């Protein structure tokens, strides 16, 4: 996969031109000896994310908007010649998700025991029917059930930045509800209408719609 990454990275850098700062290989294919799907994840760090859209579409990438992470531009491209899909995540320099992905990658590279634990977790999840289903979320159970392990590794890797996210995981929705109660509903002595809702996908929209504009992003903070 390293060779394919180098080819893709070269194409991306050329397409972005002076707008490109650096390109990183992340995800499972970036960790030697870790089992992975034939999908390469690439982070492109740019000066101006919006200017990258047209440039990347010209070389075959499809723009998919933020896709859950605010201030990220997400692209996808399928390459029939090598049978590998490319997920491209474009961020402006300084976005916390850049550091998160690099710390997670490097920790698995440097700790074979953690790498093997992650491989076993993925193997187990792939055997479960629920891993292929979506329950009130845009993501499958396979993606959601890796969350606890990823958070554990990020804590060990000393990731301590604030992340801005939409609620797509149970833990994120519970965190959002706690913040809603603490800063909005409890001070007014009224009940949060979504306190008992377990549908975190529905709740994601409710959080954004009910809170003042100045508080929308802070309501979605989740420590990595």
C-alpha atoms as a PDB file:
ATOM      1  CA  UNK A   1       0.000   0.000   0.000  1.00  0.00           C
ATOM      2  CA  UNK A   2       2.943   2.332   0.559  1.00  0.00           C
ATOM      3  CA  UNK A   3       3.687   2.430  -3.156  1.00  0.00           C
ATOM      4  CA  UNK A   4       0.049   3.196  -3.987  1.00  0.00           C
ATOM      5  CA  UNK A   5       0.033   5.949  -1.366  1.00  0.00           C
ATOM      6  CA  UNK A   6       3.137   7.523  -2.878  1.00  0.00           C
ATOM      7  CA  UNK A   7       1.497   7.535  -6.306  1.00  0.00           C
ATOM      8  CA  UNK A   8      -1.741   9.017  -4.972  1.00  0.00           C
ATOM      9  CA  UNK A   9       0.085  11.582  -2.848  1.00  0.00           C
ATOM     10  CA  UNK A  10       2.057  12.749  -5.871  1.00  0.00           C
ATOM     11  CA  UNK A  11      -1.148  13.235  -7.884  1.00  0.00           C
ATOM     12  CA  UNK A  12      -2.819  15.103  -5.039  1.00  0.00           C
ATOM     13  CA  UNK A  13       0.133  17.421  -4.448  1.00  0.00           C
ATOM     14  CA  UNK A  14       0.380  18.198  -8.146  1.00  0.00           C
ATOM     15  CA  UNK A  15      -3.351  18.937  -8.385  1.00  0.00           C
ATOM     16  CA  UNK A  16      -3.344  21.204  -5.328  1.00  0.00           C
ATOM     17  CA  UNK A  17      -0.199  23.068  -6.320  1.00  0.00           C
ATOM     18  CA  UNK A  18       0.863  25.858  -3.968  1.00  0.00           C
ATOM     19  CA  UNK A  19      -2.254  25.274  -1.875  1.00  0.00           C
ATOM     20  CA  UNK A  20      -0.804  21.987  -0.587  1.00  0.00           C
ATOM     21  CA  UNK A  21       1.243  22.066   2.625  1.00  0.00           C
ATOM     22  CA  UNK A  22       1.714  18.348   3.293  1.00  0.00           C
ATOM     23  CA  UNK A  23       0.071  14.983   2.608  1.00  0.00           C
ATOM     24  CA  UNK A  24      -0.107  12.193   5.217  1.00  0.00           C
ATOM     25  CA  UNK A  25      -0.860   8.480   4.945  1.00  0.00           C
ATOM     26  CA  UNK A  26      -3.225   7.494   7.779  1.00  0.00           C
ATOM     27  CA  UNK A  27      -5.673   4.720   8.599  1.00  0.00           C
ATOM     28  CA  UNK A  28      -5.019   0.996   8.802  1.00  0.00           C
ATOM     29  CA  UNK A  29      -3.074   0.789   5.540  1.00  0.00           C
ATOM     30  CA  UNK A  30      -0.495   3.178   7.010  1.00  0.00           C
ATOM     31  CA  UNK A  31       0.418   0.724   9.783  1.00  0.00           C
ATOM     32  CA  UNK A  32       2.712  -2.128   8.685  1.00  0.00           C
ATOM     33  CA  UNK A  33       1.398  -5.643   9.454  1.00  0.00           C
ATOM     34  CA  UNK A  34      -2.091  -4.371  10.324  1.00  0.00           C
ATOM     35  CA  UNK A  35      -4.941  -6.018   8.437  1.00  0.00           C
ATOM     36  CA  UNK A  36      -6.912  -3.525   6.371  1.00  0.00           C
ATOM     37  CA  UNK A  37      -9.556  -3.174   3.706  1.00  0.00           C
ATOM     38  CA  UNK A  38      -8.360  -2.115   0.228  1.00  0.00           C
ATOM     39  CA  UNK A  39      -8.971   1.524   1.104  1.00  0.00           C
ATOM     40  CA  UNK A  40      -6.260   4.143   1.542  1.00  0.00           C
ATOM     41  CA  UNK A  41      -6.920   7.084   3.838  1.00  0.00           C
ATOM     42  CA  UNK A  42      -4.999  10.244   3.073  1.00  0.00           C
ATOM     43  CA  UNK A  43      -4.945  13.583   4.862  1.00  0.00           C
ATOM     44  CA  UNK A  44      -4.222  16.641   2.789  1.00  0.00           C
ATOM     45  CA  UNK A  45      -3.229  19.738   4.755  1.00  0.00           C
ATOM     46  CA  UNK A  46      -3.879  22.881   2.742  1.00  0.00           C
ATOM     47  CA  UNK A  47      -3.798  26.659   3.022  1.00  0.00           C
ATOM     48  CA  UNK A  48      -7.346  27.137   1.719  1.00  0.00           C
ATOM     49  CA  UNK A  49      -9.671  24.090   1.850  1.00  0.00           C
ATOM     50  CA  UNK A  50     -12.370  25.602  -0.363  1.00  0.00           C
ATOM     51  CA  UNK A  51      -9.907  26.158  -3.193  1.00  0.00           C
ATOM     52  CA  UNK A  52      -9.048  22.448  -3.169  1.00  0.00           C
ATOM     53  CA  UNK A  53     -12.485  21.241  -4.289  1.00  0.00           C
ATOM     54  CA  UNK A  54     -12.260  22.064  -7.979  1.00  0.00           C
ATOM     55  CA  UNK A  55      -8.607  21.010  -8.159  1.00  0.00           C
ATOM     56  CA  UNK A  56      -9.321  17.563  -6.720  1.00  0.00           C
ATOM     57  CA  UNK A  57     -12.478  17.019  -8.749  1.00  0.00           C
ATOM     58  CA  UNK A  58     -10.393  17.481 -11.890  1.00  0.00           C
ATOM     59  CA  UNK A  59      -8.377  14.363 -11.023  1.00  0.00           C
ATOM     60  CA  UNK A  60     -11.413  12.214 -10.309  1.00  0.00           C
ATOM     61  CA  UNK A  61     -12.198  12.787  -6.648  1.00  0.00           C
ATOM     62  CA  UNK A  62     -15.851  13.143  -5.656  1.00  0.00           C
ATOM     63  CA  UNK A  63     -16.544  15.793  -3.035  1.00  0.00           C
ATOM     64  CA  UNK A  64     -18.756  14.483  -0.200  1.00  0.00           C
ATOM     65  CA  UNK A  65     -18.920  17.640   1.971  1.00  0.00           C
ATOM     66  CA  UNK A  66     -17.886  17.581   5.659  1.00  0.00           C
ATOM     67  CA  UNK A  67     -19.346  14.126   6.327  1.00  0.00           C
ATOM     68  CA  UNK A  68     -19.653  14.408  10.105  1.00  0.00           C
ATOM     69  CA  UNK A  69     -16.501  16.396  10.945  1.00  0.00           C
ATOM     70  CA  UNK A  70     -16.936  20.199  10.774  1.00  0.00           C
ATOM     71  CA  UNK A  71     -14.323  22.075   8.748  1.00  0.00           C
ATOM     72  CA  UNK A  72     -13.182  18.930   6.971  1.00  0.00           C
ATOM     73  CA  UNK A  73     -13.597  18.434   3.225  1.00  0.00           C
ATOM     74  CA  UNK A  74     -14.101  14.746   2.473  1.00  0.00           C
ATOM     75  CA  UNK A  75     -13.424  13.221  -0.949  1.00  0.00           C
ATOM     76  CA  UNK A  76     -13.551   9.699  -2.354  1.00  0.00           C
ATOM     77  CA  UNK A  77     -12.219   8.080  -5.494  1.00  0.00           C
ATOM     78  CA  UNK A  78     -12.354   4.502  -6.780  1.00  0.00           C
ATOM     79  CA  UNK A  79      -9.467   3.395  -8.975  1.00  0.00           C
ATOM     80  CA  UNK A  80     -10.341   0.364 -11.063  1.00  0.00           C
ATOM     81  CA  UNK A  81      -6.745  -0.091 -12.185  1.00  0.00           C
ATOM     82  CA  UNK A  82      -5.458  -1.109  -8.747  1.00  0.00           C
ATOM     83  CA  UNK A  83      -8.678  -2.142  -7.000  1.00  0.00           C
ATOM     84  CA  UNK A  84      -8.113   0.351  -4.205  1.00  0.00           C
ATOM     85  CA  UNK A  85     -10.411   3.148  -3.058  1.00  0.00           C
ATOM     86  CA  UNK A  86      -8.970   6.405  -1.757  1.00  0.00           C
ATOM     87  CA  UNK A  87     -10.550   8.433   1.027  1.00  0.00           C
ATOM     88  CA  UNK A  88      -9.106  11.927   1.093  1.00  0.00           C
ATOM     89  CA  UNK A  89      -9.608  14.159   4.126  1.00  0.00           C
ATOM     90  CA  UNK A  90      -8.681  17.796   3.488  1.00  0.00           C
ATOM     91  CA  UNK A  91      -8.027  20.093   6.442  1.00  0.00           C
ATOM     92  CA  UNK A  92      -6.678  23.556   7.005  1.00  0.00           C
ATOM     93  CA  UNK A  93      -3.416  23.522   8.954  1.00  0.00           C
ATOM     94  CA  UNK A  94      -3.971  23.223  12.706  1.00  0.00           C
ATOM     95  CA  UNK A  95      -7.213  21.211  12.608  1.00  0.00           C
ATOM     96  CA  UNK A  96      -7.215  18.818  15.625  1.00  0.00           C
ATOM     97  CA  UNK A  97      -8.156  15.798  13.503  1.00  0.00           C
ATOM     98  CA  UNK A  98      -4.756  15.958  11.812  1.00  0.00           C
ATOM     99  CA  UNK A  99      -2.912  15.448  15.092  1.00  0.00           C
ATOM    100  CA  UNK A 100      -5.433  12.831  16.229  1.00  0.00           C
ATOM    101  CA  UNK A 101      -4.895  10.659  13.157  1.00  0.00           C
ATOM    102  CA  UNK A 102      -1.120  10.974  13.234  1.00  0.00           C
ATOM    103  CA  UNK A 103      -0.886  10.147  16.948  1.00  0.00           C
ATOM    104  CA  UNK A 104      -3.129   7.102  16.531  1.00  0.00           C
ATOM    105  CA  UNK A 105      -1.133   5.900  13.521  1.00  0.00           C
ATOM    106  CA  UNK A 106       2.244   6.413  15.158  1.00  0.00           C
ATOM    107  CA  UNK A 107       1.189   4.744  18.401  1.00  0.00           C
ATOM    108  CA  UNK A 108       0.145   1.595  16.537  1.00  0.00           C
ATOM    109  CA  UNK A 109       3.363   1.674  14.528  1.00  0.00           C
ATOM    110  CA  UNK A 110       5.454   1.915  17.696  1.00  0.00           C
ATOM    111  CA  UNK A 111       3.463  -0.568  19.817  1.00  0.00           C
ATOM    112  CA  UNK A 112       2.989  -3.978  18.154  1.00  0.00           C
ATOM    113  CA  UNK A 113       0.840  -5.175  21.067  1.00  0.00           C
ATOM    114  CA  UNK A 114      -1.659  -2.354  20.498  1.00  0.00           C
ATOM    115  CA  UNK A 115      -1.568  -2.976  16.752  1.00  0.00           C
ATOM    116  CA  UNK A 116      -2.342  -6.660  17.250  1.00  0.00           C
ATOM    117  CA  UNK A 117      -5.110  -5.858  19.744  1.00  0.00           C
ATOM    118  CA  UNK A 118      -6.686  -3.556  17.173  1.00  0.00           C
ATOM    119  CA  UNK A 119      -6.383  -6.219  14.482  1.00  0.00           C
ATOM    120  CA  UNK A 120      -8.107  -8.767  16.722  1.00  0.00           C
ATOM    121  CA  UNK A 121     -10.900  -6.291  17.527  1.00  0.00           C
ATOM    122  CA  UNK A 122     -11.525  -5.640  13.847  1.00  0.00           C
ATOM    123  CA  UNK A 123     -11.515  -9.356  13.100  1.00  0.00           C
ATOM    124  CA  UNK A 124     -14.062  -9.981  15.865  1.00  0.00           C
ATOM    125  CA  UNK A 125     -16.328  -7.164  14.716  1.00  0.00           C
ATOM    126  CA  UNK A 126     -16.325  -8.415  11.142  1.00  0.00           C
ATOM    127  CA  UNK A 127     -17.838 -11.686  12.365  1.00  0.00           C
ATOM    128  CA  UNK A 128     -20.788  -9.935  13.999  1.00  0.00           C
ATOM    129  CA  UNK A 129     -23.962  -9.276  12.042  1.00  0.00           C
ATOM    130  CA  UNK A 130     -24.514  -5.964  13.833  1.00  0.00           C
ATOM    131  CA  UNK A 131     -21.255  -4.657  12.387  1.00  0.00           C
ATOM    132  CA  UNK A 132     -22.873  -4.402   8.971  1.00  0.00           C
ATOM    133  CA  UNK A 133     -26.011  -2.633  10.168  1.00  0.00           C
ATOM    134  CA  UNK A 134     -26.780   1.035  10.739  1.00  0.00           C
ATOM    135  CA  UNK A 135     -28.878   1.842  13.807  1.00  0.00           C
ATOM    136  CA  UNK A 136     -29.859   5.500  14.026  1.00  0.00           C
ATOM    137  CA  UNK A 137     -26.488   6.549  12.640  1.00  0.00           C
ATOM    138  CA  UNK A 138     -24.798   7.210   9.317  1.00  0.00           C
ATOM    139  CA  UNK A 139     -22.126   4.701  10.352  1.00  0.00           C
ATOM    140  CA  UNK A 140     -22.233   0.918  10.685  1.00  0.00           C
ATOM    141  CA  UNK A 141     -21.768  -0.958  13.935  1.00  0.00           C
ATOM    142  CA  UNK A 142     -18.277  -1.874  12.741  1.00  0.00           C
ATOM    143  CA  UNK A 143     -17.174   1.757  12.847  1.00  0.00           C
ATOM    144  CA  UNK A 144     -19.038   2.681  16.015  1.00  0.00           C
ATOM    145  CA  UNK A 145     -17.753  -0.273  18.026  1.00  0.00           C
ATOM    146  CA  UNK A 146     -14.117   0.621  17.414  1.00  0.00           C
ATOM    147  CA  UNK A 147     -14.663   3.871  19.294  1.00  0.00           C
ATOM    148  CA  UNK A 148     -13.674   2.706  22.794  1.00  0.00           C
ATOM    149  CA  UNK A 149     -10.380   1.245  21.577  1.00  0.00           C
ATOM    150  CA  UNK A 150      -9.523   4.351  19.575  1.00  0.00           C
ATOM    151  CA  UNK A 151     -10.210   6.608  22.558  1.00  0.00           C
ATOM    152  CA  UNK A 152      -8.044   4.394  24.771  1.00  0.00           C
ATOM    153  CA  UNK A 153      -5.116   4.638  22.363  1.00  0.00           C
ATOM    154  CA  UNK A 154      -5.506   8.394  21.968  1.00  0.00           C
ATOM    155  CA  UNK A 155      -5.371   8.790  25.745  1.00  0.00           C
ATOM    156  CA  UNK A 156      -2.163   6.746  25.874  1.00  0.00           C
ATOM    157  CA  UNK A 157      -0.776   8.838  23.017  1.00  0.00           C
ATOM    158  CA  UNK A 158      -1.506  12.009  25.046  1.00  0.00           C
ATOM    159  CA  UNK A 159      -4.008  13.507  22.632  1.00  0.00           C
ATOM    160  CA  UNK A 160      -5.601  16.304  24.659  1.00  0.00           C
ATOM    161  CA  UNK A 161      -7.075  18.707  22.143  1.00  0.00           C
ATOM    162  CA  UNK A 162     -10.733  19.605  21.816  1.00  0.00           C
ATOM    163  CA  UNK A 163     -12.542  18.033  18.875  1.00  0.00           C
ATOM    164  CA  UNK A 164     -15.536  19.588  17.139  1.00  0.00           C
ATOM    165  CA  UNK A 165     -17.886  16.826  16.028  1.00  0.00           C
ATOM    166  CA  UNK A 166     -21.471  16.082  15.168  1.00  0.00           C
ATOM    167  CA  UNK A 167     -23.051  13.384  17.300  1.00  0.00           C
ATOM    168  CA  UNK A 168     -22.878  10.074  15.473  1.00  0.00           C
ATOM    169  CA  UNK A 169     -21.732   7.804  18.295  1.00  0.00           C
ATOM    170  CA  UNK A 170     -23.622   6.901  21.468  1.00  0.00           C
ATOM    171  CA  UNK A 171     -20.892   8.395  23.673  1.00  0.00           C
ATOM    172  CA  UNK A 172     -20.949  11.664  21.737  1.00  0.00           C
ATOM    173  CA  UNK A 173     -24.721  11.958  22.013  1.00  0.00           C
ATOM    174  CA  UNK A 174     -24.572  11.294  25.759  1.00  0.00           C
ATOM    175  CA  UNK A 175     -21.885  13.977  26.104  1.00  0.00           C
ATOM    176  CA  UNK A 176     -24.018  16.422  24.127  1.00  0.00           C
ATOM    177  CA  UNK A 177     -27.015  15.744  26.358  1.00  0.00           C
ATOM    178  CA  UNK A 178     -24.921  16.381  29.483  1.00  0.00           C
ATOM    179  CA  UNK A 179     -23.764  19.726  28.079  1.00  0.00           C
ATOM    180  CA  UNK A 180     -27.335  20.667  27.096  1.00  0.00           C
ATOM    181  CA  UNK A 181     -28.526  19.974  30.625  1.00  0.00           C
ATOM    182  CA  UNK A 182     -25.620  21.717  32.386  1.00  0.00           C
ATOM    183  CA  UNK A 183     -25.537  24.944  30.375  1.00  0.00           C
ATOM    184  CA  UNK A 184     -29.073  25.366  29.066  1.00  0.00           C
ATOM    185  CA  UNK A 185     -31.850  23.360  30.684  1.00  0.00           C
ATOM    186  CA  UNK A 186     -30.819  22.888  34.337  1.00  0.00           C
ATOM    187  CA  UNK A 187     -30.137  26.633  34.891  1.00  0.00           C
ATOM    188  CA  UNK A 188     -33.686  27.306  33.679  1.00  0.00           C
ATOM    189  CA  UNK A 189     -35.155  24.427  35.711  1.00  0.00           C
ATOM    190  CA  UNK A 190     -36.783  22.842  32.680  1.00  0.00           C
ATOM    191  CA  UNK A 191     -36.487  19.389  31.147  1.00  0.00           C
ATOM    192  CA  UNK A 192     -34.525  18.738  27.993  1.00  0.00           C
ATOM    193  CA  UNK A 193     -37.093  17.241  25.569  1.00  0.00           C
ATOM    194  CA  UNK A 194     -34.423  14.911  24.197  1.00  0.00           C
ATOM    195  CA  UNK A 195     -33.108  13.722  27.572  1.00  0.00           C
ATOM    196  CA  UNK A 196     -34.500  10.202  27.147  1.00  0.00           C
ATOM    197  CA  UNK A 197     -33.934   9.941  23.413  1.00  0.00           C
ATOM    198  CA  UNK A 198     -31.561   7.143  22.433  1.00  0.00           C
ATOM    199  CA  UNK A 199     -31.630   8.071  18.778  1.00  0.00           C
ATOM    200  CA  UNK A 200     -28.352   9.975  18.603  1.00  0.00           C
ATOM    201  CA  UNK A 201     -28.617  10.456  14.840  1.00  0.00           C
ATOM    202  CA  UNK A 202     -31.901  12.343  15.338  1.00  0.00           C
ATOM    203  CA  UNK A 203     -30.416  14.142  18.301  1.00  0.00           C
ATOM    204  CA  UNK A 204     -27.589  15.522  16.210  1.00  0.00           C
ATOM    205  CA  UNK A 205     -30.012  17.754  14.342  1.00  0.00           C
ATOM    206  CA  UNK A 206     -31.868  18.700  17.505  1.00  0.00           C
ATOM    207  CA  UNK A 207     -28.727  19.989  19.181  1.00  0.00           C
ATOM    208  CA  UNK A 208     -27.861  22.225  16.265  1.00  0.00           C
ATOM    209  CA  UNK A 209     -31.354  23.610  15.841  1.00  0.00           C
ATOM    210  CA  UNK A 210     -32.211  24.417  19.442  1.00  0.00           C
ATOM    211  CA  UNK A 211     -29.019  26.052  20.621  1.00  0.00           C
ATOM    212  CA  UNK A 212     -28.029  29.660  19.942  1.00  0.00           C
ATOM    213  CA  UNK A 213     -25.663  30.016  16.997  1.00  0.00           C
ATOM    214  CA  UNK A 214     -22.818  31.063  19.265  1.00  0.00           C
ATOM    215  CA  UNK A 215     -23.105  27.770  21.153  1.00  0.00           C
ATOM    216  CA  UNK A 216     -23.650  25.242  18.388  1.00  0.00           C
ATOM    217  CA  UNK A 217     -20.027  24.193  17.957  1.00  0.00           C
ATOM    218  CA  UNK A 218     -19.201  24.164  21.661  1.00  0.00           C
ATOM    219  CA  UNK A 219     -22.170  21.874  22.308  1.00  0.00           C
ATOM    220  CA  UNK A 220     -20.520  19.252  20.148  1.00  0.00           C
ATOM    221  CA  UNK A 221     -17.110  19.252  21.806  1.00  0.00           C
ATOM    222  CA  UNK A 222     -15.822  15.797  22.659  1.00  0.00           C
ATOM    223  CA  UNK A 223     -12.454  15.140  24.242  1.00  0.00           C
ATOM    224  CA  UNK A 224     -10.488  12.666  22.110  1.00  0.00           C
END
